Protein backbone atom coordinates (compact mmCIF):
# COMPACT_ATOMS: atom_id res chain seq x y z
CA MET A 1 111.60 44.56 172.72
CA THR A 2 112.52 45.49 176.45
CA ASP A 3 114.18 48.86 176.58
CA SER A 4 117.06 48.19 179.28
CA TRP A 5 120.55 47.69 178.98
CA GLY A 6 120.72 45.08 181.49
CA LYS A 7 118.34 42.82 179.42
CA ILE A 8 119.48 44.03 176.15
CA LEU A 9 123.24 43.18 176.58
CA LYS A 10 121.86 39.57 176.97
CA GLU A 11 120.22 39.62 173.70
CA LYS A 12 122.59 38.71 171.03
CA LYS A 13 120.28 39.90 168.05
CA VAL A 14 119.99 43.31 169.63
CA ILE A 15 123.98 43.57 170.29
CA THR A 16 124.59 42.55 166.58
CA GLU A 17 121.95 45.65 165.17
CA LEU A 18 123.97 48.42 167.64
CA VAL A 19 127.34 47.15 166.35
CA ILE A 20 126.07 47.23 162.43
CA SER A 21 123.90 50.56 163.18
CA SER A 22 127.21 52.36 164.91
CA LEU A 23 129.61 51.23 161.77
CA ILE A 24 127.08 52.11 159.41
CA LEU A 25 126.53 55.81 160.85
CA ALA A 26 130.81 56.02 161.22
CA SER A 27 130.66 54.99 157.38
CA VAL A 28 128.05 57.41 156.79
CA LEU A 29 129.59 60.30 158.38
CA TRP A 30 132.87 60.01 157.08
CA ALA A 31 131.31 59.86 153.21
CA LEU A 32 129.89 63.00 154.46
CA THR A 33 133.15 64.72 155.01
CA ILE A 34 134.15 63.74 151.56
CA PHE A 35 131.18 65.10 149.73
CA LEU A 36 131.02 68.57 151.65
CA GLU A 37 134.45 68.98 150.33
CA ASN A 38 133.80 68.44 146.92
CA ASN A 39 130.50 70.10 147.33
CA GLU A 40 132.14 73.30 148.26
CA ARG A 41 134.01 72.88 144.50
CA ARG A 42 130.65 72.68 142.49
CA GLN A 43 128.90 75.50 140.89
CA GLY A 44 125.44 76.25 142.17
CA THR A 45 122.52 78.17 141.58
CA ILE A 46 121.88 81.52 143.40
CA LEU A 47 118.11 81.78 144.57
CA PHE A 48 116.28 84.91 145.16
CA ASP A 49 114.54 84.50 148.25
CA PRO A 50 112.41 87.16 149.37
CA PHE A 51 112.18 86.63 152.87
CA LEU A 52 115.85 87.24 153.29
CA SER A 53 115.72 90.12 151.00
CA LEU A 54 113.61 91.64 154.10
CA PHE A 55 116.66 92.17 156.31
CA THR A 56 120.36 92.62 156.45
CA PRO A 57 122.06 89.33 158.15
CA ALA A 58 123.26 89.23 161.88
CA ASP A 59 125.86 87.11 163.28
CA VAL A 60 124.05 85.25 166.10
CA THR A 61 126.72 82.42 166.03
CA TRP A 62 127.18 81.93 169.64
CA PHE A 63 123.35 81.99 170.27
CA THR A 64 122.80 79.19 167.52
CA PHE A 65 125.31 76.77 168.90
CA ILE A 66 124.28 77.06 172.55
CA ILE A 67 120.93 76.46 171.66
CA LEU A 68 121.83 73.83 169.26
CA TYR A 69 124.52 71.78 171.32
CA GLY A 70 122.36 72.34 174.22
CA ALA A 71 119.29 70.82 172.82
CA LEU A 72 121.44 68.00 171.66
CA ILE A 73 123.46 67.04 174.83
CA ILE A 74 120.21 66.70 176.26
CA GLY A 75 118.44 64.86 173.75
CA VAL A 76 121.42 62.61 173.34
CA ILE A 77 121.55 61.89 177.01
CA HIS A 78 117.91 61.03 177.23
CA LEU A 79 118.36 58.44 174.36
CA THR A 80 121.45 56.84 176.09
CA ASN A 81 118.69 55.67 178.81
CA LYS A 82 116.50 54.23 176.18
CA PRO A 83 118.77 51.71 174.14
CA ILE A 84 116.30 50.66 171.40
CA LYS A 85 115.57 54.23 170.90
CA LEU A 86 119.18 54.89 170.65
CA ILE A 87 119.81 52.01 168.18
CA LEU A 88 116.86 53.65 166.21
CA SER A 89 118.36 56.65 166.19
CA LEU A 90 121.48 55.64 164.82
CA GLN A 91 119.78 54.09 161.61
CA PHE A 92 117.39 57.30 161.64
CA TYR A 93 120.37 59.82 161.40
CA SER A 94 122.24 57.45 159.01
CA LEU A 95 119.58 57.70 156.44
CA LEU A 96 119.07 61.62 157.25
CA VAL A 97 122.95 62.00 156.31
CA LEU A 98 122.58 60.27 153.24
CA THR A 99 119.45 61.89 152.07
CA ARG A 100 120.83 65.36 152.78
CA MET A 101 123.81 64.46 150.38
CA LEU A 102 121.41 62.92 147.88
CA ALA A 103 119.40 66.31 148.16
CA MET A 104 122.71 68.53 148.10
CA TYR A 105 123.71 66.48 144.91
CA PHE A 106 120.65 67.13 143.12
CA VAL A 107 119.91 70.69 144.26
CA ALA A 108 123.24 72.14 144.14
CA LEU A 109 122.92 75.70 145.70
CA GLU A 110 125.33 79.03 146.11
CA PRO A 111 125.11 80.71 149.28
CA PRO A 112 123.03 83.52 149.89
CA PRO A 113 124.66 86.64 149.04
CA LEU A 114 125.13 88.36 152.34
CA MET A 115 125.85 84.95 154.17
CA ILE A 116 127.84 85.33 157.21
CA PRO A 117 129.02 81.89 157.46
CA LEU A 118 128.19 79.67 160.48
CA VAL A 119 131.65 78.10 161.65
CA ASP A 120 130.38 74.80 163.12
CA PRO A 121 133.17 73.45 165.49
CA PHE A 122 131.56 69.76 164.55
CA VAL A 123 131.62 69.87 161.12
CA GLU A 124 134.90 71.62 161.05
CA PHE A 125 136.39 69.05 163.54
CA PHE A 126 135.34 66.04 161.08
CA THR A 127 136.98 67.96 157.81
CA THR A 128 139.53 69.82 156.77
CA GLY A 129 138.85 73.13 158.59
CA THR A 130 137.11 74.48 155.21
CA VAL A 131 134.25 76.41 156.14
CA MET A 132 131.18 74.79 154.53
CA LYS A 133 129.11 77.70 152.63
CA LYS A 134 127.38 75.43 150.44
CA ASP A 135 126.20 72.78 152.70
CA LEU A 136 122.98 74.16 152.39
CA PHE A 137 119.53 72.00 150.80
CA PHE A 138 118.17 70.96 153.18
CA SER A 139 119.27 72.41 156.44
CA GLY A 140 121.08 69.98 158.53
CA HIS A 141 120.68 71.74 161.92
CA THR A 142 117.09 72.25 161.70
CA ALA A 143 116.65 68.39 160.69
CA THR A 144 118.89 67.27 163.59
CA LEU A 145 117.05 68.83 166.25
CA PHE A 146 113.62 67.69 164.39
CA PHE A 147 115.11 64.24 164.08
CA LEU A 148 115.11 64.35 168.17
CA PHE A 149 111.85 65.91 168.28
CA LEU A 150 110.46 62.79 166.48
CA LEU A 151 112.27 60.31 168.46
CA ILE A 152 111.96 61.32 172.16
CA ASP A 153 108.46 60.52 173.68
CA LYS A 154 108.64 62.36 176.79
CA LYS A 155 106.51 65.05 176.43
CA GLY A 156 108.09 67.95 178.14
CA LEU A 157 111.69 67.08 176.37
CA LYS A 158 109.74 66.95 173.13
CA TYR A 159 108.20 70.47 173.32
CA PHE A 160 111.70 71.65 174.53
CA LEU A 161 113.15 70.36 171.47
CA PHE A 162 110.23 71.44 169.22
CA VAL A 163 110.76 75.07 170.41
CA CYS A 164 114.80 74.82 169.98
CA THR A 165 114.08 73.55 166.44
CA VAL A 166 111.93 76.75 165.59
CA ILE A 167 114.63 79.19 167.18
CA VAL A 168 117.72 77.63 165.54
CA GLY A 169 115.95 77.40 162.10
CA GLY A 170 115.18 81.26 162.74
CA LEU A 171 118.54 82.08 163.86
CA ILE A 172 120.45 80.66 160.81
CA LEU A 173 117.89 82.47 158.77
CA ALA A 174 118.83 85.79 160.38
CA GLN A 175 122.59 84.87 159.56
CA HIS A 176 121.53 84.19 156.14
CA VAL A 177 123.55 80.75 156.24
CA HIS A 178 120.47 79.22 154.64
CA TYR A 179 117.68 80.25 152.33
CA SER A 180 114.31 80.13 153.72
CA ILE A 181 113.46 76.64 151.41
CA ASP A 182 116.35 74.77 153.05
CA VAL A 183 114.91 74.98 156.53
CA LEU A 184 111.47 75.09 155.51
CA ALA A 185 111.98 71.61 153.62
CA ALA A 186 114.19 69.98 156.54
CA PRO A 187 110.88 68.80 158.86
CA PHE A 188 109.35 67.46 155.82
CA PHE A 189 112.46 65.35 154.58
CA THR A 190 113.12 64.09 158.20
CA TYR A 191 109.79 63.23 158.78
CA GLY A 192 109.81 61.37 155.88
CA VAL A 193 112.88 59.34 156.36
CA TYR A 194 111.65 58.67 160.07
CA ARG A 195 108.51 57.16 158.74
CA LEU A 196 110.62 55.20 156.06
CA VAL A 197 113.13 53.53 158.94
CA LEU A 198 110.15 52.70 160.91
CA LEU A 199 108.42 50.91 157.59
CA ILE A 200 111.73 49.09 156.84
CA ARG A 201 112.22 48.17 160.78
CA ALA A 202 108.50 46.64 160.25
CA LYS A 203 109.09 44.99 157.26
CA ILE A 204 112.04 42.95 158.26
CA ASN A 205 110.75 42.36 161.92
CA LEU A 206 112.92 44.89 164.02
CA ASN A 207 110.50 46.63 165.80
């Protein structure tokens, strides 16, 4: 399939896929806001994390968001020039968000005892303004950057996104926003979702 907007816009099948994928992602993100608000009221389990117990948390919120959203903006701009990759990213991220919701439902956790809340402006915008503390297993910030790392083929940018993934994962642990297992599990879940999306696309002849 040709990866150029000029030719893509002439292919009705691809335009239909783009519209449907966009609507699905919008619906999933809407469902996520409802889920997260309800999830805050659920009783969870406090885990003993031997790694977090080694140090007291530090507030690195601004460093986290500068790296996170800087990498996201660069990655998304790159994808806008790759329409097929962009469509794939909509499908991939929709399933990734659904997988996170399912994981959080079955693995209900209380936040680490010394957590310094990470006030995410993006999440705050789409919810009632409540600071989310139980949005834990698995780490959405780590998963999102790793998702871009998997999608993007450009070598230099790919390495950059991988480094950003590692740094952001380390920063949210430094702030005790997540347990170690939340961050460590994120790339594995993300890669599994990525392979599943590619398998589904191949089965229904979308590749």
